[in-house]
PDB file of N, CA and C in Angstrom:
ATOM      1  N   MET A   1       0.990  -1.347  -0.062  1.00  0.00           N
ATOM      2  CA  MET A   1      -0.001   0.053   0.190  1.00  0.00           C
ATOM      3  C   MET A   1       0.962   1.082   0.050  1.00  0.00           C
ATOM      4  N   ASP A   2       0.477   2.352  -0.722  1.00  0.00           N
ATOM      5  CA  ASP A   2       1.466   3.561  -0.781  1.00  0.00           C
ATOM      6  C   ASP A   2       0.748   4.616   0.001  1.00  0.00           C
ATOM      7  N   ILE A   3       1.402   5.640  -0.290  1.00  0.00           N
ATOM      8  CA  ILE A   3       0.894   6.839   0.795  1.00  0.00           C
ATOM      9  C   ILE A   3      -0.522   7.223   0.315  1.00  0.00           C
ATOM     10  N   LYS A   4      -0.612   7.259  -0.689  1.00  0.00           N
ATOM     11  CA  LYS A   4      -2.096   7.795  -1.234  1.00  0.00           C
ATOM     12  C   LYS A   4      -3.258   6.805  -0.846  1.00  0.00           C
ATOM     13  N   GLU A   5      -2.768   5.347  -0.991  1.00  0.00           N
ATOM     14  CA  GLU A   5      -3.678   4.599  -0.712  1.00  0.00           C
ATOM     15  C   GLU A   5      -4.109   4.507   0.826  1.00  0.00           C
ATOM     16  N   LEU A   6      -2.749   5.030   1.754  1.00  0.00           N
ATOM     17  CA  LEU A   6      -3.097   5.058   3.112  1.00  0.00           C
ATOM     18  C   LEU A   6      -3.668   6.348   3.555  1.00  0.00           C
ATOM     19  N   THR A   7      -3.526   7.379   2.505  1.00  0.00           N
ATOM     20  CA  THR A   7      -4.259   8.533   3.111  1.00  0.00           C
ATOM     21  C   THR A   7      -5.807   8.350   2.791  1.00  0.00           C
ATOM     22  N   GLN A   8      -6.015   7.539   1.942  1.00  0.00           N
ATOM     23  CA  GLN A   8      -7.648   7.260   1.601  1.00  0.00           C
ATOM     24  C   GLN A   8      -8.262   6.339   2.688  1.00  0.00           C
ATOM     25  N   VAL A   9      -7.409   5.515   3.104  1.00  0.00           N
ATOM     26  CA  VAL A   9      -8.016   4.603   4.181  1.00  0.00           C
ATOM     27  C   VAL A   9      -8.296   5.626   5.564  1.00  0.00           C
ATOM     28  N   MET A  10      -7.311   6.263   5.785  1.00  0.00           N
ATOM     29  CA  MET A  10      -7.566   7.276   6.821  1.00  0.00           C
ATOM     30  C   MET A  10      -8.664   8.418   6.406  1.00  0.00           C
ATOM     31  N   ALA A  11      -8.837   8.946   5.286  1.00  0.00           N
ATOM     32  CA  ALA A  11     -10.157   9.454   5.011  1.00  0.00           C
ATOM     33  C   ALA A  11     -11.315   8.747   4.918  1.00  0.00           C
ATOM     34  N   ASP A  12     -11.346   7.698   4.827  1.00  0.00           N
ATOM     35  CA  ASP A  12     -12.537   6.719   5.012  1.00  0.00           C
ATOM     36  C   ASP A  12     -13.100   6.717   6.379  1.00  0.00           C
ATOM     37  N   LEU A  13     -11.877   6.660   7.279  1.00  0.00           N
ATOM     38  CA  LEU A  13     -12.119   6.313   8.659  1.00  0.00           C
ATOM     39  C   LEU A  13     -12.754   7.782   9.275  1.00  0.00           C
ATOM     40  N   VAL A  14     -11.796   8.655   8.867  1.00  0.00           N
ATOM     41  CA  VAL A  14     -12.482  10.328   9.157  1.00  0.00           C
ATOM     42  C   VAL A  14     -13.876  10.110   8.716  1.00  0.00           C
ATOM     43  N   HIS A  15     -14.452   9.898   7.564  1.00  0.00           N
ATOM     44  CA  HIS A  15     -15.511  10.192   7.229  1.00  0.00           C
ATOM     45  C   HIS A  15     -16.528   9.048   7.878  1.00  0.00           C
ATOM     46  N   ALA A  16     -16.249   7.877   8.177  1.00  0.00           N
ATOM     47  CA  ALA A  16     -17.019   7.056   8.965  1.00  0.00           C
ATOM     48  C   ALA A  16     -17.454   7.456  10.170  1.00  0.00           C
ATOM     49  N   LYS A  17     -16.474   8.065  10.864  1.00  0.00           N
ATOM     50  CA  LYS A  17     -16.612   8.440  12.357  1.00  0.00           C
ATOM     51  C   LYS A  17     -17.385   9.901  12.206  1.00  0.00           C
ATOM     52  N   GLY A  18     -17.633  10.638  11.071  1.00  0.00           N
ATOM     53  CA  GLY A  18     -18.283  11.890  11.170  1.00  0.00           C
ATOM     54  C   GLY A  18     -17.563  13.015  11.531  1.00  0.00           C
ATOM     55  N   TRP A  19     -16.029  12.728  11.436  1.00  0.00           N
ATOM     56  CA  TRP A  19     -15.096  13.702  11.777  1.00  0.00           C
ATOM     57  C   TRP A  19     -15.048  14.972  10.721  1.00  0.00           C
ATOM     58  N   ASP A  20     -15.431  14.483   9.492  1.00  0.00           N
ATOM     59  CA  ASP A  20     -15.281  15.488   8.511  1.00  0.00           C
ATOM     60  C   ASP A  20     -16.089  16.778   8.299  1.00  0.00           C
ATOM     61  N   ASN A  21     -17.131  16.206   9.307  1.00  0.00           N
ATOM     62  CA  ASN A  21     -18.287  17.414   9.389  1.00  0.00           C
ATOM     63  C   ASN A  21     -18.177  18.351  10.538  1.00  0.00           C
ATOM     64  N   PRO A  22     -17.458  19.505  10.410  1.00  0.00           N
ATOM     65  CA  PRO A  22     -17.090  20.302  11.518  1.00  0.00           C
ATOM     66  C   PRO A  22     -18.477  20.661  12.174  1.00  0.00           C
ATOM     67  N   LEU A  23     -19.448  20.972  11.814  1.00  0.00           N
ATOM     68  CA  LEU A  23     -20.678  21.303  12.497  1.00  0.00           C
ATOM     69  C   LEU A  23     -21.194  20.297  13.352  1.00  0.00           C
ATOM     70  N   SER A  24     -20.943  18.965  13.323  1.00  0.00           N
ATOM     71  CA  SER A  24     -21.460  17.794  14.091  1.00  0.00           C
ATOM     72  C   SER A  24     -20.543  17.114  14.732  1.00  0.00           C
ATOM     73  N   THR A  25     -19.315  17.534  14.956  1.00  0.00           N
ATOM     74  CA  THR A  25     -18.208  16.685  15.571  1.00  0.00           C
ATOM     75  C   THR A  25     -17.322  17.419  16.528  1.00  0.00           C
ATOM     76  N   LYS A  26     -16.946  16.733  17.755  1.00  0.00           N
ATOM     77  CA  LYS A  26     -16.171  17.189  18.613  1.00  0.00           C
ATOM     78  C   LYS A  26     -14.655  17.230  18.119  1.00  0.00           C
ATOM     79  N   ARG A  27     -14.275  16.486  17.151  1.00  0.00           N
ATOM     80  CA  ARG A  27     -12.973  16.431  16.410  1.00  0.00           C
ATOM     81  C   ARG A  27     -13.022  16.850  15.076  1.00  0.00           C
ATOM     82  N   PRO A  28     -13.159  18.305  15.013  1.00  0.00           N
ATOM     83  CA  PRO A  28     -13.221  18.901  13.458  1.00  0.00           C
ATOM     84  C   PRO A  28     -11.634  18.722  12.876  1.00  0.00           C
ATOM     85  N   GLN A  29     -11.542  18.330  11.669  1.00  0.00           N
ATOM     86  CA  GLN A  29     -10.333  18.142  10.973  1.00  0.00           C
ATOM     87  C   GLN A  29      -9.666  19.420  10.468  1.00  0.00           C
ATOM     88  N   THR A  30      -9.485  20.260  11.445  1.00  0.00           N
ATOM     89  CA  THR A  30      -8.856  21.555  11.060  1.00  0.00           C
ATOM     90  C   THR A  30      -7.199  21.332  11.109  1.00  0.00           C
ATOM     91  N   LEU A  31      -6.536  22.203  10.503  1.00  0.00           N
ATOM     92  CA  LEU A  31      -5.169  22.068  10.377  1.00  0.00           C
ATOM     93  C   LEU A  31      -4.594  22.228  11.762  1.00  0.00           C
ATOM     94  N   LYS A  32      -5.046  23.141  12.566  1.00  0.00           N
ATOM     95  CA  LYS A  32      -4.593  23.420  14.004  1.00  0.00           C
ATOM     96  C   LYS A  32      -4.979  22.176  14.669  1.00  0.00           C
ATOM     97  N   ASN A  33      -6.200  21.647  14.661  1.00  0.00           N
ATOM     98  CA  ASN A  33      -6.379  20.603  15.457  1.00  0.00           C
ATOM     99  C   ASN A  33      -5.491  19.179  15.179  1.00  0.00           C
ATOM    100  N   LEU A  34      -5.244  19.088  13.763  1.00  0.00           N
ATOM    101  CA  LEU A  34      -4.380  18.129  13.356  1.00  0.00           C
ATOM    102  C   LEU A  34      -3.033  18.049  13.866  1.00  0.00           C
ATOM    103  N   ALA A  35      -2.603  19.443  13.812  1.00  0.00           N
ATOM    104  CA  ALA A  35      -1.128  19.659  14.162  1.00  0.00           C
ATOM    105  C   ALA A  35      -0.864  19.448  15.509  1.00  0.00           C
ATOM    106  N   ILE A  36      -1.958  19.975  16.452  1.00  0.00           N
ATOM    107  CA  ILE A  36      -1.951  19.694  17.746  1.00  0.00           C
ATOM    108  C   ILE A  36      -1.885  18.016  17.992  1.00  0.00           C
ATOM    109  N   SER A  37      -2.574  17.478  17.477  1.00  0.00           N
ATOM    110  CA  SER A  37      -2.783  16.003  17.701  1.00  0.00           C
ATOM    111  C   SER A  37      -1.407  15.114  17.294  1.00  0.00           C
ATOM    112  N   LEU A  38      -1.011  15.479  16.228  1.00  0.00           N
ATOM    113  CA  LEU A  38       0.357  15.142  15.483  1.00  0.00           C
ATOM    114  C   LEU A  38       1.235  15.366  16.698  1.00  0.00           C
ATOM    115  N   SER A  39       1.441  16.359  17.362  1.00  0.00           N
ATOM    116  CA  SER A  39       2.516  16.632  18.348  1.00  0.00           C
ATOM    117  C   SER A  39       2.387  15.709  19.596  1.00  0.00           C
ATOM    118  N   LEU A  40       1.103  15.761  19.900  1.00  0.00           N
ATOM    119  CA  LEU A  40       0.555  14.952  21.072  1.00  0.00           C
ATOM    120  C   LEU A  40       1.072  13.691  21.025  1.00  0.00           C
ATOM    121  N   GLU A  41       0.483  12.963  19.982  1.00  0.00           N
ATOM    122  CA  GLU A  41       0.885  11.508  19.734  1.00  0.00           C
ATOM    123  C   GLU A  41       2.548  11.380  19.291  1.00  0.00           C
ATOM    124  N   ALA A  42       3.334  12.360  18.893  1.00  0.00           N
ATOM    125  CA  ALA A  42       4.449  12.122  19.005  1.00  0.00           C
ATOM    126  C   ALA A  42       5.227  12.207  20.257  1.00  0.00           C
ATOM    127  N   ASN A  43       4.389  13.023  21.003  1.00  0.00           N
ATOM    128  CA  ASN A  43       5.014  12.960  22.441  1.00  0.00           C
ATOM    129  C   ASN A  43       4.974  11.488  23.143  1.00  0.00           C
ATOM    130  N   GLU A  44       3.918  10.887  22.675  1.00  0.00           N
ATOM    131  CA  GLU A  44       3.372   9.664  23.335  1.00  0.00           C
ATOM    132  C   GLU A  44       4.405   8.704  22.847  1.00  0.00           C
ATOM    133  N   VAL A  45       4.909   8.941  21.733  1.00  0.00           N
ATOM    134  CA  VAL A  45       6.125   8.083  21.435  1.00  0.00           C
ATOM    135  C   VAL A  45       7.398   8.358  22.581  1.00  0.00           C
ATOM    136  N   LEU A  46       7.771   9.390  22.787  1.00  0.00           N
ATOM    137  CA  LEU A  46       8.682   9.892  23.563  1.00  0.00           C
ATOM    138  C   LEU A  46       8.351   9.152  25.057  1.00  0.00           C
ATOM    139  N   GLU A  47       7.243   9.340  25.556  1.00  0.00           N
ATOM    140  CA  GLU A  47       6.733   8.691  26.825  1.00  0.00           C
ATOM    141  C   GLU A  47       7.255   7.449  27.075  1.00  0.00           C
ATOM    142  N   LEU A  48       7.311   6.616  26.031  1.00  0.00           N
ATOM    143  CA  LEU A  48       7.545   4.930  25.825  1.00  0.00           C
ATOM    144  C   LEU A  48       8.981   5.048  26.501  1.00  0.00           C
ATOM    145  N   PHE A  49       9.776   6.063  26.248  1.00  0.00           N
ATOM    146  CA  PHE A  49      11.344   5.974  26.672  1.00  0.00           C
ATOM    147  C   PHE A  49      11.620   6.832  28.054  1.00  0.00           C
ATOM    148  N   GLN A  50      10.375   7.409  28.612  1.00  0.00           N
ATOM    149  CA  GLN A  50      10.792   8.237  29.696  1.00  0.00           C
ATOM    150  C   GLN A  50      11.303   7.185  30.568  1.00  0.00           C
ATOM    151  N   TRP A  51      12.324   7.619  31.263  1.00  0.00           N
ATOM    152  CA  TRP A  51      13.042   7.181  32.476  1.00  0.00           C
ATOM    153  C   TRP A  51      13.769   5.880  32.104  1.00  0.00           C
ATOM    154  N   SER A  52      13.831   5.595  30.822  1.00  0.00           N
ATOM    155  CA  SER A  52      14.723   4.158  30.246  1.00  0.00           C
ATOM    156  C   SER A  52      15.257   4.596  28.829  1.00  0.00           C
ATOM    157  N   ASP A  53      16.493   4.255  28.565  1.00  0.00           N
ATOM    158  CA  ASP A  53      16.797   3.984  27.186  1.00  0.00           C
ATOM    159  C   ASP A  53      16.322   2.838  26.418  1.00  0.00           C
ATOM    160  N   GLU A  54      15.807   2.163  27.022  1.00  0.00           N
ATOM    161  CA  GLU A  54      15.438   0.699  26.491  1.00  0.00           C
ATOM    162  C   GLU A  54      13.848   0.828  26.010  1.00  0.00           C
ATOM    163  N   LEU A  55      13.496  -0.037  24.994  1.00  0.00           N
ATOM    164  CA  LEU A  55      12.223  -0.152  24.571  1.00  0.00           C
ATOM    165  C   LEU A  55      11.713  -1.309  25.621  1.00  0.00           C
ATOM    166  N   LYS A  56      10.770  -1.050  25.864  1.00  0.00           N
ATOM    167  CA  LYS A  56       9.937  -1.957  26.924  1.00  0.00           C
ATOM    168  C   LYS A  56       8.754  -2.898  26.252  1.00  0.00           C
ATOM    169  N   ASP A  57       8.123  -2.171  25.311  1.00  0.00           N
ATOM    170  CA  ASP A  57       6.953  -2.516  24.595  1.00  0.00           C
ATOM    171  C   ASP A  57       6.737  -2.133  23.175  1.00  0.00           C
ATOM    172  N   LYS A  58       7.331  -3.125  22.199  1.00  0.00           N
ATOM    173  CA  LYS A  58       7.322  -2.987  21.083  1.00  0.00           C
ATOM    174  C   LYS A  58       6.063  -2.721  20.321  1.00  0.00           C
ATOM    175  N   GLU A  59       4.819  -3.119  20.792  1.00  0.00           N
ATOM    176  CA  GLU A  59       3.747  -3.143  20.381  1.00  0.00           C
ATOM    177  C   GLU A  59       2.968  -1.826  20.585  1.00  0.00           C
ATOM    178  N   ALA A  60       3.138  -1.277  21.629  1.00  0.00           N
ATOM    179  CA  ALA A  60       3.053   0.189  22.410  1.00  0.00           C
ATOM    180  C   ALA A  60       3.550   1.242  21.224  1.00  0.00           C
ATOM    181  N   LEU A  61       4.931   0.945  21.073  1.00  0.00           N
ATOM    182  CA  LEU A  61       5.446   1.825  20.029  1.00  0.00           C
ATOM    183  C   LEU A  61       4.790   1.645  18.632  1.00  0.00           C
ATOM    184  N   ALA A  62       4.599   0.645  18.223  1.00  0.00           N
ATOM    185  CA  ALA A  62       4.017   0.247  17.044  1.00  0.00           C
ATOM    186  C   ALA A  62       2.896   1.047  16.890  1.00  0.00           C
ATOM    187  N   GLU A  63       1.879   1.022  17.758  1.00  0.00           N
ATOM    188  CA  GLU A  63       0.609   1.787  17.943  1.00  0.00           C
ATOM    189  C   GLU A  63       0.998   3.414  18.197  1.00  0.00           C
ATOM    190  N   GLU A  64       1.837   3.601  18.639  1.00  0.00           N
ATOM    191  CA  GLU A  64       1.778   5.123  18.730  1.00  0.00           C
ATOM    192  C   GLU A  64       2.645   5.693  17.527  1.00  0.00           C
ATOM    193  N   LEU A  65       3.318   4.755  16.728  1.00  0.00           N
ATOM    194  CA  LEU A  65       4.059   5.391  15.597  1.00  0.00           C
ATOM    195  C   LEU A  65       2.994   5.381  14.513  1.00  0.00           C
ATOM    196  N   ALA A  66       1.879   4.431  14.605  1.00  0.00           N
ATOM    197  CA  ALA A  66       0.788   4.487  13.723  1.00  0.00           C
ATOM    198  C   ALA A  66      -0.201   5.753  13.806  1.00  0.00           C
ATOM    199  N   ASP A  67      -0.252   6.155  15.164  1.00  0.00           N
ATOM    200  CA  ASP A  67      -1.079   7.222  15.389  1.00  0.00           C
ATOM    201  C   ASP A  67      -0.487   8.266  14.722  1.00  0.00           C
ATOM    202  N   VAL A  68       0.892   8.695  14.881  1.00  0.00           N
ATOM    203  CA  VAL A  68       1.569   9.694  14.361  1.00  0.00           C
ATOM    204  C   VAL A  68       1.457   9.563  12.764  1.00  0.00           C
ATOM    205  N   ALA A  69       1.728   8.423  12.204  1.00  0.00           N
ATOM    206  CA  ALA A  69       1.488   8.439  10.830  1.00  0.00           C
ATOM    207  C   ALA A  69       0.079   8.811  10.246  1.00  0.00           C
ATOM    208  N   LEU A  70      -1.017   8.422  10.959  1.00  0.00           N
ATOM    209  CA  LEU A  70      -2.169   8.565  10.569  1.00  0.00           C
ATOM    210  C   LEU A  70      -2.501  10.307  10.620  1.00  0.00           C
ATOM    211  N   TYR A  71      -2.189  10.766  11.755  1.00  0.00           N
ATOM    212  CA  TYR A  71      -2.291  12.168  11.793  1.00  0.00           C
ATOM    213  C   TYR A  71      -1.921  12.825  10.950  1.00  0.00           C
ATOM    214  N   LEU A  72      -0.272  12.525  10.725  1.00  0.00           N
ATOM    215  CA  LEU A  72       0.373  13.163   9.354  1.00  0.00           C
ATOM    216  C   LEU A  72      -0.306  13.040   8.192  1.00  0.00           C
ATOM    217  N   LEU A  73      -0.661  12.027   7.959  1.00  0.00           N
ATOM    218  CA  LEU A  73      -1.423  11.690   6.480  1.00  0.00           C
ATOM    219  C   LEU A  73      -2.692  12.638   6.507  1.00  0.00           C
ATOM    220  N   GLN A  74      -3.536  12.870   7.598  1.00  0.00           N
ATOM    221  CA  GLN A  74      -4.637  13.584   7.454  1.00  0.00           C
ATOM    222  C   GLN A  74      -4.248  14.973   7.465  1.00  0.00           C
ATOM    223  N   LEU A  75      -3.248  15.517   8.318  1.00  0.00           N
ATOM    224  CA  LEU A  75      -2.762  16.772   8.246  1.00  0.00           C
ATOM    225  C   LEU A  75      -2.424  17.335   6.775  1.00  0.00           C
ATOM    226  N   ALA A  76      -1.436  16.295   6.056  1.00  0.00           N
ATOM    227  CA  ALA A  76      -1.047  16.434   4.787  1.00  0.00           C
ATOM    228  C   ALA A  76      -2.278  16.740   3.757  1.00  0.00           C
ATOM    229  N   GLN A  77      -3.118  15.711   3.958  1.00  0.00           N
ATOM    230  CA  GLN A  77      -4.469  16.061   3.191  1.00  0.00           C
ATOM    231  C   GLN A  77      -5.290  17.418   3.436  1.00  0.00           C
ATOM    232  N   VAL A  78      -5.676  17.398   4.440  1.00  0.00           N
ATOM    233  CA  VAL A  78      -6.190  18.584   4.807  1.00  0.00           C
ATOM    234  C   VAL A  78      -5.652  20.035   4.331  1.00  0.00           C
ATOM    235  N   GLY A  79      -4.387  19.988   4.605  1.00  0.00           N
ATOM    236  CA  GLY A  79      -3.255  21.233   4.067  1.00  0.00           C
ATOM    237  C   GLY A  79      -3.257  20.974   2.677  1.00  0.00           C
ATOM    238  N   GLY A  80      -3.760  20.234   1.696  1.00  0.00           N
ATOM    239  CA  GLY A  80      -3.414  19.930   0.582  1.00  0.00           C
ATOM    240  C   GLY A  80      -1.957  19.714  -0.052  1.00  0.00           C
ATOM    241  N   ILE A  81      -1.562  18.816   0.853  1.00  0.00           N
ATOM    242  CA  ILE A  81       0.192  18.930   0.503  1.00  0.00           C
ATOM    243  C   ILE A  81       0.375  17.333  -0.033  1.00  0.00           C
ATOM    244  N   ASP A  82       0.903  17.218  -0.873  1.00  0.00           N
ATOM    245  CA  ASP A  82       1.272  15.750  -1.446  1.00  0.00           C
ATOM    246  C   ASP A  82       2.264  15.386  -0.883  1.00  0.00           C
ATOM    247  N   LEU A  83       1.977  14.657   0.338  1.00  0.00           N
ATOM    248  CA  LEU A  83       3.054  14.063   1.224  1.00  0.00           C
ATOM    249  C   LEU A  83       4.259  13.213   0.502  1.00  0.00           C
ATOM    250  N   GLU A  84       3.948  12.518  -0.314  1.00  0.00           N
ATOM    251  CA  GLU A  84       4.790  11.391  -1.084  1.00  0.00           C
ATOM    252  C   GLU A  84       5.944  12.706  -1.736  1.00  0.00           C
ATOM    253  N   GLN A  85       5.171  13.639  -2.222  1.00  0.00           N
ATOM    254  CA  GLN A  85       6.241  14.589  -3.176  1.00  0.00           C
ATOM    255  C   GLN A  85       7.126  15.163  -2.267  1.00  0.00           C
ATOM    256  N   ALA A  86       6.464  15.596  -1.203  1.00  0.00           N
ATOM    257  CA  ALA A  86       7.039  16.521  -0.163  1.00  0.00           C
ATOM    258  C   ALA A  86       8.188  15.767   0.376  1.00  0.00           C
ATOM    259  N   ILE A  87       8.044  14.339   0.803  1.00  0.00           N
ATOM    260  CA  ILE A  87       9.261  13.610   1.292  1.00  0.00           C
ATOM    261  C   ILE A  87      10.259  13.444   0.364  1.00  0.00           C
ATOM    262  N   LEU A  88       9.947  13.063  -0.810  1.00  0.00           N
ATOM    263  CA  LEU A  88      10.829  12.849  -1.817  1.00  0.00           C
ATOM    264  C   LEU A  88      11.912  14.184  -2.108  1.00  0.00           C
ATOM    265  N   SER A  89      11.338  15.303  -2.097  1.00  0.00           N
ATOM    266  CA  SER A  89      11.664  16.769  -2.258  1.00  0.00           C
ATOM    267  C   SER A  89      12.496  16.793  -1.310  1.00  0.00           C
ATOM    268  N   LYS A  90      12.217  16.522   0.066  1.00  0.00           N
ATOM    269  CA  LYS A  90      12.961  16.732   1.401  1.00  0.00           C
ATOM    270  C   LYS A  90      14.400  15.907   1.404  1.00  0.00           C
ATOM    271  N   VAL A  91      14.044  14.663   0.837  1.00  0.00           N
ATOM    272  CA  VAL A  91      15.127  13.852   0.899  1.00  0.00           C
ATOM    273  C   VAL A  91      16.354  14.197  -0.060  1.00  0.00           C
ATOM    274  N   ASN A  92      15.838  14.686  -1.326  1.00  0.00           N
ATOM    275  CA  ASN A  92      16.647  15.134  -2.236  1.00  0.00           C
ATOM    276  C   ASN A  92      17.524  16.164  -1.769  1.00  0.00           C
ATOM    277  N   ARG A  93      16.649  17.375  -1.080  1.00  0.00           N
ATOM    278  CA  ARG A  93      17.281  18.391  -0.503  1.00  0.00           C
ATOM    279  C   ARG A  93      18.350  18.104   0.523  1.00  0.00           C
ATOM    280  N   ASN A  94      18.184  16.769   1.213  1.00  0.00           N
ATOM    281  CA  ASN A  94      19.041  16.671   2.373  1.00  0.00           C
ATOM    282  C   ASN A  94      20.203  15.797   1.888  1.00  0.00           C
ATOM    283  N   HIS A  95      20.164  15.287   0.633  1.00  0.00           N
ATOM    284  CA  HIS A  95      21.292  14.848  -0.246  1.00  0.00           C
ATOM    285  C   HIS A  95      22.372  15.622  -0.369  1.00  0.00           C
ATOM    286  N   GLU A  96      21.913  17.094  -0.599  1.00  0.00           N
ATOM    287  CA  GLU A  96      22.737  18.227  -0.905  1.00  0.00           C
ATOM    288  C   GLU A  96      23.340  18.801   0.363  1.00  0.00           C
ATOM    289  N   ARG A  97      22.700  18.689   1.593  1.00  0.00           N
ATOM    290  CA  ARG A  97      23.101  19.373   2.753  1.00  0.00           C
ATOM    291  C   ARG A  97      24.183  18.592   3.338  1.00  0.00           C
ATOM    292  N   THR A  98      24.833  19.262   4.043  1.00  0.00           N
ATOM    293  CA  THR A  98      25.849  18.766   5.208  1.00  0.00           C
ATOM    294  C   THR A  98      25.536  19.034   6.497  1.00  0.00           C
ATOM    295  N   TRP A  99      26.105  18.210   7.462  1.00  0.00           N
ATOM    296  CA  TRP A  99      25.673  18.256   8.885  1.00  0.00           C
ATOM    297  C   TRP A  99      27.351  17.807   9.592  1.00  0.00           C
ATOM    298  N   ASP A 100      27.075  18.374  10.683  1.00  0.00           N
ATOM    299  CA  ASP A 100      28.441  18.231  11.479  1.00  0.00           C
ATOM    300  C   ASP A 100      29.605  18.903  10.879  1.00  0.00           C
ATOM    301  N   GLU A 101      29.339  19.929  10.284  1.00  0.00           N
ATOM    302  CA  GLU A 101      30.648  20.635   9.724  1.00  0.00           C
ATOM    303  C   GLU A 101      30.666  21.702  10.168  1.00  0.00           C
ATOM    304  N   PRO A 102      31.979  22.480  10.486  1.00  0.00           N
ATOM    305  CA  PRO A 102      31.767  23.857  11.267  1.00  0.00           C
ATOM    306  C   PRO A 102      31.262  24.778  10.526  1.00  0.00           C
ATOM    307  N   ASP A 103      30.505  25.812  11.121  1.00  0.00           N
ATOM    308  CA  ASP A 103      30.087  26.867  10.427  1.00  0.00           C
ATOM    309  C   ASP A 103      30.976  28.061  10.519  1.00  0.00           C
ATOM    310  N   GLU A 104      30.530  29.151  10.089  1.00  0.00           N
ATOM    311  CA  GLU A 104      31.385  30.307  10.046  1.00  0.00           C
ATOM    312  C   GLU A 104      32.385  30.494  11.274  1.00  0.00           C
ATOM    313  N   GLU A 105      31.609  30.275  12.340  1.00  0.00           N
ATOM    314  CA  GLU A 105      32.243  30.849  13.589  1.00  0.00           C
ATOM    315  C   GLU A 105      33.375  29.408  14.257  1.00  0.00           C
ATOM    316  N   GLY A 106      33.337  28.202  13.522  1.00  0.00           N
ATOM    317  CA  GLY A 106      33.989  27.020  13.560  1.00  0.00           C
ATOM    318  C   GLY A 106      33.271  26.259  14.747  1.00  0.00           C
ATOM    319  N   GLN A 107      31.849  26.294  14.779  1.00  0.00           N
ATOM    320  CA  GLN A 107      30.988  25.352  15.660  1.00  0.00           C
ATOM    321  C   GLN A 107      30.145  24.530  14.678  1.00  0.00           C
ATOM    322  N   THR A 108      30.024  23.401  15.065  1.00  0.00           N
ATOM    323  CA  THR A 108      29.314  22.592  14.642  1.00  0.00           C
ATOM    324  C   THR A 108      27.765  22.492  14.992  1.00  0.00           C
TER     325      THR A 108
END
C-alpha cells in the first residue's frame, strides 16, 4: 500500500466517524487540531522512553507510530500537501546538505 492509499484509508475512517463534518463533531479536522494531535501523539512515542533508554513494549511503540503516521497523513491531506512528493523533495534536499561541519564561527 502506498501513501495515497493510506491517506484514503484514513479519509475513509474520518468520514465513517463523522469527523469531516465540523458542525457535528467534537473532532473537527482543522489544520490546527491535526497539528496539535500530531504533536501529542509524537510525545506519546517519547513517553515510552521516559526514564529508560530501552524499549519495553514494541507493540505500544508500533501503535504510537501508527497514530503519528495517521495524523500526519490527515494533516497533509487537509493542508493540500502531496506528502509523497514533499518527502521525496526533502530527501533530495538532504542529499545536498551537510551536517556536523563547522559553521563560519567554527562551531558544529
